[in-house]
Amino acid sequence: KDQAEGAAKDAANTLGKATQDAVNQITDASQKAIDKASKAAQE
């Protein structure tokens, strides 16, 4: 039971980190796209 709970917590932590990394990548990509569009508009 302890092993299963530990594995479940590890999986949840890994999933949480992967989700956060994906959100960070999407946010970063969105910011770059906005910056690029703003620069093009300014030019």
Full PDB file with SEQRES, HELIX, SHEET, SSBOND, CRYST1, ORIGX, SCALE, CONECT and MASTER records, all heavy atoms in Angstrom:
SEQRES   1 A   43  LYS ASP GLN ALA GLU GLY ALA ALA LYS ASP ALA ALA ASN          
SEQRES   2 A   43  THR LEU GLY LYS ALA THR GLN ASP ALA VAL ASN GLN ILE          
SEQRES   3 A   43  THR ASP ALA SER GLN LYS ALA ILE ASP LYS ALA SER LYS          
SEQRES   4 A   43  ALA ALA GLN GLU                                              
HELIX    1 AA1 ASP A    2  GLN A   42  1                                  41    
CRYST1    1.000    1.000    1.000  90.00  90.00  90.00 P 1           1          
ORIGX1      1.000000  0.000000  0.000000        0.00000                         
ORIGX2      0.000000  1.000000  0.000000        0.00000                         
ORIGX3      0.000000  0.000000  1.000000        0.00000                         
SCALE1      1.000000  0.000000  0.000000        0.00000                         
SCALE2      0.000000  1.000000  0.000000        0.00000                         
SCALE3      0.000000  0.000000  1.000000        0.00000                         
ATOM      1  N   LYS A   1       0.838  -1.202   0.000  1.00  0.00           N  
ATOM      2  CA  LYS A   1       0.000   0.000   0.000  1.00  0.00           C  
ATOM      3  C   LYS A   1       0.874   1.253   0.000  1.00  0.00           C  
ATOM      4  O   LYS A   1       0.627   2.188  -0.767  1.00  0.00           O  
ATOM      5  CB  LYS A   1      -0.906  -0.035   1.245  1.00  0.00           C  
ATOM      6  CG  LYS A   1      -1.902   1.093   1.320  1.00  0.00           C  
ATOM      7  CD  LYS A   1      -2.848   0.898   2.496  1.00  0.00           C  
ATOM      8  CE  LYS A   1      -3.782   2.060   2.629  1.00  0.00           C  
ATOM      9  NZ  LYS A   1      -3.480   2.959   3.724  1.00  0.00           N  
ATOM     10  N   ASP A   2       1.932   1.256   0.844  1.00  0.00           N  
ATOM     11  CA  ASP A   2       2.843   2.396   0.892  1.00  0.00           C  
ATOM     12  C   ASP A   2       3.541   2.586  -0.453  1.00  0.00           C  
ATOM     13  O   ASP A   2       3.698   3.717  -0.928  1.00  0.00           O  
ATOM     14  CB  ASP A   2       3.889   2.207   1.999  1.00  0.00           C  
ATOM     15  CG  ASP A   2       3.275   2.303   3.394  1.00  0.00           C  
ATOM     16  OD1 ASP A   2       2.117   2.774   3.507  1.00  0.00           O  
ATOM     17  OD2 ASP A   2       3.956   1.912   4.357  1.00  0.00           O  
ATOM     18  N   GLN A   3       3.966   1.478  -1.044  1.00  0.00           N  
ATOM     19  CA  GLN A   3       4.638   1.555  -2.348  1.00  0.00           C  
ATOM     20  C   GLN A   3       3.687   2.116  -3.412  1.00  0.00           C  
ATOM     21  O   GLN A   3       4.074   2.953  -4.221  1.00  0.00           O  
ATOM     22  CB  GLN A   3       5.135   0.172  -2.793  1.00  0.00           C  
ATOM     23  CG  GLN A   3       6.393  -0.263  -2.093  1.00  0.00           C  
ATOM     24  CD  GLN A   3       6.860  -1.631  -2.566  1.00  0.00           C  
ATOM     25  OE1 GLN A   3       6.138  -2.343  -3.258  1.00  0.00           O  
ATOM     26  NE2 GLN A   3       8.066  -2.002  -2.172  1.00  0.00           N  
ATOM     27  N   ALA A   4       2.448   1.630  -3.395  1.00  0.00           N  
ATOM     28  CA  ALA A   4       1.463   2.082  -4.377  1.00  0.00           C  
ATOM     29  C   ALA A   4       1.174   3.570  -4.188  1.00  0.00           C  
ATOM     30  O   ALA A   4       1.090   4.325  -5.160  1.00  0.00           O  
ATOM     31  CB  ALA A   4       0.179   1.265  -4.251  1.00  0.00           C  
ATOM     32  N   GLU A   5       1.037   3.998  -2.937  1.00  0.00           N  
ATOM     33  CA  GLU A   5       0.782   5.413  -2.663  1.00  0.00           C  
ATOM     34  C   GLU A   5       1.976   6.264  -3.089  1.00  0.00           C  
ATOM     35  O   GLU A   5       1.807   7.340  -3.677  1.00  0.00           O  
ATOM     36  CB  GLU A   5       0.485   5.622  -1.181  1.00  0.00           C  
ATOM     37  CG  GLU A   5      -0.900   5.158  -0.780  1.00  0.00           C  
ATOM     38  CD  GLU A   5      -1.159   5.301   0.711  1.00  0.00           C  
ATOM     39  OE1 GLU A   5      -0.239   5.708   1.465  1.00  0.00           O  
ATOM     40  OE2 GLU A   5      -2.290   5.009   1.130  1.00  0.00           O  
ATOM     41  N   GLY A   6       3.183   5.763  -2.801  1.00  0.00           N  
ATOM     42  CA  GLY A   6       4.396   6.488  -3.201  1.00  0.00           C  
ATOM     43  C   GLY A   6       4.478   6.603  -4.716  1.00  0.00           C  
ATOM     44  O   GLY A   6       4.788   7.676  -5.252  1.00  0.00           O  
ATOM     45  N   ALA A   7       4.168   5.510  -5.419  1.00  0.00           N  
ATOM     46  CA  ALA A   7       4.199   5.521  -6.882  1.00  0.00           C  
ATOM     47  C   ALA A   7       3.151   6.477  -7.433  1.00  0.00           C  
ATOM     48  O   ALA A   7       3.412   7.210  -8.389  1.00  0.00           O  
ATOM     49  CB  ALA A   7       3.969   4.106  -7.419  1.00  0.00           C  
ATOM     50  N   ALA A   8       1.978   6.479  -6.809  1.00  0.00           N  
ATOM     51  CA  ALA A   8       0.907   7.378  -7.259  1.00  0.00           C  
ATOM     52  C   ALA A   8       1.311   8.834  -7.056  1.00  0.00           C  
ATOM     53  O   ALA A   8       1.085   9.679  -7.932  1.00  0.00           O  
ATOM     54  CB  ALA A   8      -0.383   7.074  -6.504  1.00  0.00           C  
ATOM     55  N   LYS A   9       1.939   9.134  -5.909  1.00  0.00           N  
ATOM     56  CA  LYS A   9       2.390  10.509  -5.645  1.00  0.00           C  
ATOM     57  C   LYS A   9       3.479  10.913  -6.641  1.00  0.00           C  
ATOM     58  O   LYS A   9       3.473  12.028  -7.147  1.00  0.00           O  
ATOM     59  CB  LYS A   9       2.904  10.634  -4.212  1.00  0.00           C  
ATOM     60  CG  LYS A   9       1.797  10.672  -3.184  1.00  0.00           C  
ATOM     61  CD  LYS A   9       2.347  10.764  -1.778  1.00  0.00           C  
ATOM     62  CE  LYS A   9       1.234  10.685  -0.758  1.00  0.00           C  
ATOM     63  NZ  LYS A   9       1.744  10.585   0.614  1.00  0.00           N  
ATOM     64  N   ASP A  10       4.415   9.995  -6.902  1.00  0.00           N  
ATOM     65  CA  ASP A  10       5.486  10.281  -7.868  1.00  0.00           C  
ATOM     66  C   ASP A  10       4.893  10.561  -9.244  1.00  0.00           C  
ATOM     67  O   ASP A  10       5.313  11.497  -9.935  1.00  0.00           O  
ATOM     68  CB  ASP A  10       6.464   9.097  -7.964  1.00  0.00           C  
ATOM     69  CG  ASP A  10       7.347   8.967  -6.723  1.00  0.00           C  
ATOM     70  OD1 ASP A  10       7.381   9.918  -5.918  1.00  0.00           O  
ATOM     71  OD2 ASP A  10       8.008   7.922  -6.576  1.00  0.00           O  
ATOM     72  N   ALA A  11       3.928   9.731  -9.628  1.00  0.00           N  
ATOM     73  CA  ALA A  11       3.293   9.908 -10.943  1.00  0.00           C  
ATOM     74  C   ALA A  11       2.575  11.257 -11.004  1.00  0.00           C  
ATOM     75  O   ALA A  11       2.666  11.972 -12.009  1.00  0.00           O  
ATOM     76  CB  ALA A  11       2.322   8.768 -11.215  1.00  0.00           C  
ATOM     77  N   ALA A  12       1.886  11.598  -9.936  1.00  0.00           N  
ATOM     78  CA  ALA A  12       1.168  12.879  -9.899  1.00  0.00           C  
ATOM     79  C   ALA A  12       2.149  14.043  -9.968  1.00  0.00           C  
ATOM     80  O   ALA A  12       1.914  15.017 -10.688  1.00  0.00           O  
ATOM     81  CB  ALA A  12       0.325  12.966  -8.626  1.00  0.00           C  
ATOM     82  N   ASN A  13       3.270  13.926  -9.241  1.00  0.00           N  
ATOM     83  CA  ASN A  13       4.284  14.991  -9.272  1.00  0.00           C  
ATOM     84  C   ASN A  13       4.892  15.117 -10.664  1.00  0.00           C  
ATOM     85  O   ASN A  13       5.101  16.218 -11.158  1.00  0.00           O  
ATOM     86  CB  ASN A  13       5.393  14.709  -8.250  1.00  0.00           C  
ATOM     87  CG  ASN A  13       4.922  14.917  -6.825  1.00  0.00           C  
ATOM     88  OD1 ASN A  13       3.943  15.611  -6.586  1.00  0.00           O  
ATOM     89  ND2 ASN A  13       5.617  14.314  -5.883  1.00  0.00           N  
ATOM     90  N   THR A  14       5.178  13.979 -11.287  1.00  0.00           N  
ATOM     91  CA  THR A  14       5.756  13.982 -12.634  1.00  0.00           C  
ATOM     92  C   THR A  14       4.775  14.599 -13.620  1.00  0.00           C  
ATOM     93  O   THR A  14       5.152  15.435 -14.442  1.00  0.00           O  
ATOM     94  CB  THR A  14       6.116  12.538 -13.062  1.00  0.00           C  
ATOM     95  OG1 THR A  14       7.053  12.021 -12.123  1.00  0.00           O  
ATOM     96  CG2 THR A  14       6.735  12.513 -14.433  1.00  0.00           C  
ATOM     97  N   LEU A  15       3.516  14.194 -13.522  1.00  0.00           N  
ATOM     98  CA  LEU A  15       2.483  14.740 -14.403  1.00  0.00           C  
ATOM     99  C   LEU A  15       2.328  16.245 -14.170  1.00  0.00           C  
ATOM    100  O   LEU A  15       2.246  17.017 -15.123  1.00  0.00           O  
ATOM    101  CB  LEU A  15       1.147  14.025 -14.157  1.00  0.00           C  
ATOM    102  CG  LEU A  15      -0.027  14.520 -15.003  1.00  0.00           C  
ATOM    103  CD1 LEU A  15       0.250  14.305 -16.485  1.00  0.00           C  
ATOM    104  CD2 LEU A  15      -1.309  13.817 -14.596  1.00  0.00           C  
ATOM    105  N   GLY A  16       2.326  16.638 -12.911  1.00  0.00           N  
ATOM    106  CA  GLY A  16       2.204  18.064 -12.581  1.00  0.00           C  
ATOM    107  C   GLY A  16       3.351  18.866 -13.162  1.00  0.00           C  
ATOM    108  O   GLY A  16       3.152  19.934 -13.732  1.00  0.00           O  
ATOM    109  N   LYS A  17       4.567  18.325 -13.055  1.00  0.00           N  
ATOM    110  CA  LYS A  17       5.737  19.031 -13.592  1.00  0.00           C  
ATOM    111  C   LYS A  17       5.667  19.085 -15.114  1.00  0.00           C  
ATOM    112  O   LYS A  17       5.940  20.122 -15.712  1.00  0.00           O  
ATOM    113  CB  LYS A  17       7.028  18.337 -13.147  1.00  0.00           C  
ATOM    114  CG  LYS A  17       8.268  19.060 -13.637  1.00  0.00           C  
ATOM    115  CD  LYS A  17       9.527  18.519 -13.026  1.00  0.00           C  
ATOM    116  CE  LYS A  17      10.789  19.213 -13.471  1.00  0.00           C  
ATOM    117  NZ  LYS A  17      10.711  20.153 -14.560  1.00  0.00           N  
ATOM    118  N   ALA A  18       5.268  17.978 -15.743  1.00  0.00           N  
ATOM    119  CA  ALA A  18       5.153  17.951 -17.203  1.00  0.00           C  
ATOM    120  C   ALA A  18       4.103  18.945 -17.671  1.00  0.00           C  
ATOM    121  O   ALA A  18       4.304  19.661 -18.661  1.00  0.00           O  
ATOM    122  CB  ALA A  18       4.799  16.536 -17.670  1.00  0.00           C  
ATOM    123  N   THR A  19       2.993  19.011 -16.945  1.00  0.00           N  
ATOM    124  CA  THR A  19       1.928  19.960 -17.283  1.00  0.00           C  
ATOM    125  C   THR A  19       2.433  21.392 -17.142  1.00  0.00           C  
ATOM    126  O   THR A  19       2.215  22.227 -18.021  1.00  0.00           O  
ATOM    127  CB  THR A  19       0.698  19.737 -16.378  1.00  0.00           C  
ATOM    128  OG1 THR A  19       0.263  18.390 -16.531  1.00  0.00           O  
ATOM    129  CG2 THR A  19      -0.427  20.671 -16.729  1.00  0.00           C  
ATOM    130  N   GLN A  20       3.147  21.669 -16.048  1.00  0.00           N  
ATOM    131  CA  GLN A  20       3.679  23.016 -15.818  1.00  0.00           C  
ATOM    132  C   GLN A  20       4.687  23.380 -16.903  1.00  0.00           C  
ATOM    133  O   GLN A  20       4.683  24.494 -17.414  1.00  0.00           O  
ATOM    134  CB  GLN A  20       4.331  23.103 -14.431  1.00  0.00           C  
ATOM    135  CG  GLN A  20       4.741  24.506 -14.056  1.00  0.00           C  
ATOM    136  CD  GLN A  20       3.567  25.485 -14.042  1.00  0.00           C  
ATOM    137  OE1 GLN A  20       2.542  25.235 -13.432  1.00  0.00           O  
ATOM    138  NE2 GLN A  20       3.713  26.595 -14.722  1.00  0.00           N  
ATOM    139  N   ASP A  21       5.541  22.414 -17.274  1.00  0.00           N  
ATOM    140  CA  ASP A  21       6.525  22.659 -18.343  1.00  0.00           C  
ATOM    141  C   ASP A  21       5.811  22.983 -19.647  1.00  0.00           C  
ATOM    142  O   ASP A  21       6.222  23.890 -20.375  1.00  0.00           O  
ATOM    143  CB  ASP A  21       7.432  21.435 -18.533  1.00  0.00           C  
ATOM    144  CG  ASP A  21       8.428  21.260 -17.390  1.00  0.00           C  
ATOM    145  OD1 ASP A  21       8.575  22.198 -16.571  1.00  0.00           O  
ATOM    146  OD2 ASP A  21       9.063  20.195 -17.320  1.00  0.00           O  
ATOM    147  N   ALA A  22       4.752  22.230 -19.943  1.00  0.00           N  
ATOM    148  CA  ALA A  22       3.997  22.470 -21.184  1.00  0.00           C  
ATOM    149  C   ALA A  22       3.341  23.846 -21.151  1.00  0.00           C  
ATOM    150  O   ALA A  22       3.382  24.580 -22.142  1.00  0.00           O  
ATOM    151  CB  ALA A  22       2.938  21.379 -21.371  1.00  0.00           C  
ATOM    152  N   VAL A  23       2.777  24.208 -20.026  1.00  0.00           N  
ATOM    153  CA  VAL A  23       2.151  25.535 -19.882  1.00  0.00           C  
ATOM    154  C   VAL A  23       3.207  26.620 -20.066  1.00  0.00           C  
ATOM    155  O   VAL A  23       2.981  27.606 -20.771  1.00  0.00           O  
ATOM    156  CB  VAL A  23       1.459  25.675 -18.508  1.00  0.00           C  
ATOM    157  CG1 VAL A  23       1.059  27.125 -18.237  1.00  0.00           C  
ATOM    158  CG2 VAL A  23       0.237  24.766 -18.441  1.00  0.00           C  
ATOM    159  N   ASN A  24       4.374  26.419 -19.464  1.00  0.00           N  
ATOM    160  CA  ASN A  24       5.464  27.399 -19.597  1.00  0.00           C  
ATOM    161  C   ASN A  24       5.891  27.534 -21.055  1.00  0.00           C  
ATOM    162  O   ASN A  24       6.121  28.645 -21.534  1.00  0.00           O  
ATOM    163  CB  ASN A  24       6.664  26.990 -18.740  1.00  0.00           C  
ATOM    164  CG  ASN A  24       6.391  27.143 -17.253  1.00  0.00           C  
ATOM    165  OD1 ASN A  24       5.439  27.790 -16.853  1.00  0.00           O  
ATOM    166  ND2 ASN A  24       7.221  26.535 -16.441  1.00  0.00           N  
ATOM    167  N   GLN A  25       5.995  26.409 -21.764  1.00  0.00           N  
ATOM    168  CA  GLN A  25       6.398  26.439 -23.174  1.00  0.00           C  
ATOM    169  C   GLN A  25       5.350  27.160 -24.013  1.00  0.00           C  
ATOM    170  O   GLN A  25       5.693  27.959 -24.883  1.00  0.00           O  
ATOM    171  CB  GLN A  25       6.622  25.023 -23.707  1.00  0.00           C  
ATOM    172  CG  GLN A  25       7.899  24.401 -23.193  1.00  0.00           C  
ATOM    173  CD  GLN A  25       8.081  22.968 -23.651  1.00  0.00           C  
ATOM    174  OE1 GLN A  25       7.268  22.435 -24.396  1.00  0.00           O  
ATOM    175  NE2 GLN A  25       9.146  22.351 -23.203  1.00  0.00           N  
ATOM    176  N   ILE A  26       4.078  26.873 -23.748  1.00  0.00           N  
ATOM    177  CA  ILE A  26       2.991  27.525 -24.497  1.00  0.00           C  
ATOM    178  C   ILE A  26       2.999  29.030 -24.209  1.00  0.00           C  
ATOM    179  O   ILE A  26       2.881  29.845 -25.122  1.00  0.00           O  
ATOM    180  CB  ILE A  26       1.628  26.890 -24.138  1.00  0.00           C  
ATOM    181  CG1 ILE A  26       1.573  25.457 -24.675  1.00  0.00           C  
ATOM    182  CG2 ILE A  26       0.473  27.724 -24.664  1.00  0.00           C  
ATOM    183  CD1 ILE A  26       0.447  24.622 -24.110  1.00  0.00           C  
ATOM    184  N   THR A  27       3.160  29.386 -22.931  1.00  0.00           N  
ATOM    185  CA  THR A  27       3.201  30.799 -22.549  1.00  0.00           C  
ATOM    186  C   THR A  27       4.363  31.500 -23.224  1.00  0.00           C  
ATOM    187  O   THR A  27       4.219  32.598 -23.761  1.00  0.00           O  
ATOM    188  CB  THR A  27       3.310  30.929 -21.010  1.00  0.00           C  
ATOM    189  OG1 THR A  27       2.203  30.244 -20.426  1.00  0.00           O  
ATOM    190  CG2 THR A  27       3.299  32.370 -20.571  1.00  0.00           C  
ATOM    191  N   ASP A  28       5.528  30.849 -23.206  1.00  0.00           N  
ATOM    192  CA  ASP A  28       6.731  31.424 -23.827  1.00  0.00           C  
ATOM    193  C   ASP A  28       6.522  31.599 -25.326  1.00  0.00           C  
ATOM    194  O   ASP A  28       6.831  32.650 -25.882  1.00  0.00           O  
ATOM    195  CB  ASP A  28       7.924  30.495 -23.552  1.00  0.00           C  
ATOM    196  CG  ASP A  28       9.245  31.115 -23.966  1.00  0.00           C  
ATOM    197  OD1 ASP A  28       9.472  32.294 -23.641  1.00  0.00           O  
ATOM    198  OD2 ASP A  28      10.053  30.421 -24.613  1.00  0.00           O  
ATOM    199  N   ALA A  29       5.960  30.574 -25.974  1.00  0.00           N  
ATOM    200  CA  ALA A  29       5.718  30.648 -27.417  1.00  0.00           C  
ATOM    201  C   ALA A  29       4.705  31.749 -27.734  1.00  0.00           C  
ATOM    202  O   ALA A  29       4.877  32.498 -28.704  1.00  0.00           O  
ATOM    203  CB  ALA A  29       5.215  29.301 -27.931  1.00  0.00           C  
ATOM    204  N   SER A  30       3.674  31.862 -26.914  1.00  0.00           N  
ATOM    205  CA  SER A  30       2.668  32.912 -27.116  1.00  0.00           C  
ATOM    206  C   SER A  30       3.292  34.286 -26.975  1.00  0.00           C  
ATOM    207  O   SER A  30       3.014  35.177 -27.773  1.00  0.00           O  
ATOM    208  CB  SER A  30       1.532  32.769 -26.096  1.00  0.00           C  
ATOM    209  OG  SER A  30       0.870  31.542 -26.279  1.00  0.00           O  
ATOM    210  N   GLN A  31       4.143  34.453 -25.958  1.00  0.00           N  
ATOM    211  CA  GLN A  31       4.784  35.746 -25.731  1.00  0.00           C  
ATOM    212  C   GLN A  31       5.686  36.104 -26.909  1.00  0.00           C  
ATOM    213  O   GLN A  31       5.702  37.247 -27.359  1.00  0.00           O  
ATOM    214  CB  GLN A  31       5.599  35.719 -24.427  1.00  0.00           C  
ATOM    215  CG  GLN A  31       6.113  37.082 -24.015  1.00  0.00           C  
ATOM    216  CD  GLN A  31       5.005  38.108 -23.830  1.00  0.00           C  
ATOM    217  OE1 GLN A  31       4.040  37.878 -23.127  1.00  0.00           O  
ATOM    218  NE2 GLN A  31       5.127  39.235 -24.490  1.00  0.00           N  
ATOM    219  N   LYS A  32       6.413  35.103 -27.432  1.00  0.00           N  
ATOM    220  CA  LYS A  32       7.288  35.352 -28.587  1.00  0.00           C  
ATOM    221  C   LYS A  32       6.456  35.752 -29.805  1.00  0.00           C  
ATOM    222  O   LYS A  32       6.848  36.641 -30.555  1.00  0.00           O  
ATOM    223  CB  LYS A  32       8.131  34.113 -28.893  1.00  0.00           C  
ATOM    224  CG  LYS A  32       9.267  33.931 -27.910  1.00  0.00           C  
ATOM    225  CD  LYS A  32      10.103  32.714 -28.214  1.00  0.00           C  
ATOM    226  CE  LYS A  32      11.224  32.576 -27.203  1.00  0.00           C  
ATOM    227  NZ  LYS A  32      11.900  31.307 -27.282  1.00  0.00           N  
ATOM    228  N   ALA A  33       5.319  35.078 -29.997  1.00  0.00           N  
ATOM    229  CA  ALA A  33       4.446  35.402 -31.133  1.00  0.00           C  
ATOM    230  C   ALA A  33       3.889  36.821 -30.983  1.00  0.00           C  
ATOM    231  O   ALA A  33       3.832  37.576 -31.961  1.00  0.00           O  
ATOM    232  CB  ALA A  33       3.317  34.390 -31.230  1.00  0.00           C  
ATOM    233  N   ILE A  34       3.502  37.182 -29.774  1.00  0.00           N  
ATOM    234  CA  ILE A  34       2.971  38.533 -29.517  1.00  0.00           C  
ATOM    235  C   ILE A  34       4.066  39.569 -29.768  1.00  0.00           C  
ATOM    236  O   ILE A  34       3.833  40.588 -30.411  1.00  0.00           O  
ATOM    237  CB  ILE A  34       2.424  38.639 -28.075  1.00  0.00           C  
ATOM    238  CG1 ILE A  34       1.147  37.796 -27.947  1.00  0.00           C  
ATOM    239  CG2 ILE A  34       2.154  40.081 -27.687  1.00  0.00           C  
ATOM    240  CD1 ILE A  34       0.698  37.549 -26.522  1.00  0.00           C  
ATOM    241  N   ASP A  35       5.277  39.284 -29.261  1.00  0.00           N  
ATOM    242  CA  ASP A  35       6.400  40.208 -29.459  1.00  0.00           C  
ATOM    243  C   ASP A  35       6.694  40.389 -30.945  1.00  0.00           C  
ATOM    244  O   ASP A  35       6.925  41.501 -31.409  1.00  0.00           O  
ATOM    245  CB  ASP A  35       7.658  39.691 -28.747  1.00  0.00           C  
ATOM    246  CG  ASP A  35       7.538  39.756 -27.227  1.00  0.00           C  
ATOM    247  OD1 ASP A  35       6.604  40.418 -26.726  1.00  0.00           O  
ATOM    248  OD2 ASP A  35       8.381  39.146 -26.553  1.00  0.00           O  
ATOM    249  N   LYS A  36       6.671  39.275 -31.672  1.00  0.00           N  
ATOM    250  CA  LYS A  36       6.966  39.326 -33.107  1.00  0.00           C  
ATOM    251  C   LYS A  36       5.884  40.124 -33.849  1.00  0.00           C  
ATOM    252  O   LYS A  36       6.195  40.949 -34.711  1.00  0.00           O  
ATOM    253  CB  LYS A  36       7.045  37.889 -33.651  1.00  0.00           C  
ATOM    254  CG  LYS A  36       7.604  37.786 -35.036  1.00  0.00           C  
ATOM    255  CD  LYS A  36       7.820  36.333 -35.427  1.00  0.00           C  
ATOM    256  CE  LYS A  36       8.458  36.238 -36.790  1.00  0.00           C  
ATOM    257  NZ  LYS A  36       8.662  34.866 -37.206  1.00  0.00           N  
ATOM    258  N   ALA A  37       4.632  39.881 -33.503  1.00  0.00           N  
ATOM    259  CA  ALA A  37       3.523  40.605 -34.132  1.00  0.00           C  
ATOM    260  C   ALA A  37       3.597  42.096 -33.803  1.00  0.00           C  
ATOM    261  O   ALA A  37       3.388  42.939 -34.671  1.00  0.00           O  
ATOM    262  CB  ALA A  37       2.186  40.019 -33.680  1.00  0.00           C  
ATOM    263  N   SER A  38       3.933  42.407 -32.560  1.00  0.00           N  
ATOM    264  CA  SER A  38       4.049  43.811 -32.149  1.00  0.00           C  
ATOM    265  C   SER A  38       5.177  44.495 -32.904  1.00  0.00           C  
ATOM    266  O   SER A  38       5.033  45.637 -33.344  1.00  0.00           O  
ATOM    267  CB  SER A  38       4.324  43.906 -30.643  1.00  0.00           C  
ATOM    268  OG  SER A  38       3.236  43.382 -29.927  1.00  0.00           O  
ATOM    269  N   LYS A  39       6.298  43.790 -33.045  1.00  0.00           N  
ATOM    270  CA  LYS A  39       7.450  44.358 -33.757  1.00  0.00           C  
ATOM    271  C   LYS A  39       7.087  44.588 -35.227  1.00  0.00           C  
ATOM    272  O   LYS A  39       7.409  45.633 -35.793  1.00  0.00           O  
ATOM    273  CB  LYS A  39       8.641  43.397 -33.640  1.00  0.00           C  
ATOM    274  CG  LYS A  39       9.919  43.961 -34.217  1.00  0.00           C  
ATOM    275  CD  LYS A  39      11.110  43.067 -33.884  1.00  0.00           C  
ATOM    276  CE  LYS A  39      12.396  43.732 -34.311  1.00  0.00           C  
ATOM    277  NZ  LYS A  39      12.982  43.176 -35.500  1.00  0.00           N  
ATOM    278  N   ALA A  40       6.410  43.615 -35.835  1.00  0.00           N  
ATOM    279  CA  ALA A  40       6.005  43.750 -37.240  1.00  0.00           C  
ATOM    280  C   ALA A  40       5.039  44.925 -37.400  1.00  0.00           C  
ATOM    281  O   ALA A  40       5.155  45.701 -38.357  1.00  0.00           O  
ATOM    282  CB  ALA A  40       5.361  42.448 -37.719  1.00  0.00           C  
ATOM    283  N   ALA A  41       4.111  45.065 -36.467  1.00  0.00           N  
ATOM    284  CA  ALA A  41       3.151  46.175 -36.530  1.00  0.00           C  
ATOM    285  C   ALA A  41       3.878  47.508 -36.378  1.00  0.00           C  
ATOM    286  O   ALA A  41       3.597  48.457 -37.114  1.00  0.00           O  
ATOM    287  CB  ALA A  41       2.097  46.015 -35.434  1.00  0.00           C  
ATOM    288  N   GLN A  42       4.829  47.559 -35.443  1.00  0.00           N  
ATOM    289  CA  GLN A  42       5.591  48.798 -35.215  1.00  0.00           C  
ATOM    290  C   GLN A  42       6.389  49.162 -36.467  1.00  0.00           C  
ATOM    291  O   GLN A  42       6.420  50.315 -36.885  1.00  0.00           O  
ATOM    292  CB  GLN A  42       6.535  48.623 -34.011  1.00  0.00           C  
ATOM    293  CG  GLN A  42       7.331  49.869 -33.681  1.00  0.00           C  
ATOM    294  CD  GLN A  42       6.455  51.054 -33.298  1.00  0.00           C  
ATOM    295  OE1 GLN A  42       5.436  50.898 -32.646  1.00  0.00           O  
ATOM    296  NE2 GLN A  42       6.848  52.230 -33.716  1.00  0.00           N  
ATOM    297  N   GLU A  43       7.020  48.145 -37.082  1.00  0.00           N  
ATOM    298  CA  GLU A  43       7.789  48.391 -38.307  1.00  0.00           C  
ATOM    299  C   GLU A  43       6.867  48.865 -39.429  1.00  0.00           C  
ATOM    300  O   GLU A  43       7.235  49.741 -40.214  1.00  0.00           O  
ATOM    301  CB  GLU A  43       8.547  47.124 -38.718  1.00  0.00           C  
ATOM    302  CG  GLU A  43       9.735  46.837 -37.799  1.00  0.00           C  
ATOM    303  CD  GLU A  43      10.374  45.479 -38.045  1.00  0.00           C  
ATOM    304  OE1 GLU A  43       9.862  44.697 -38.880  1.00  0.00           O  
ATOM    305  OE2 GLU A  43      11.386  45.191 -37.397  1.00  0.00           O  
TER     306      GLU A  43                                                      
MASTER        0    0    0    1    0    0    0    6  305    1    0    4          
END                                                                             
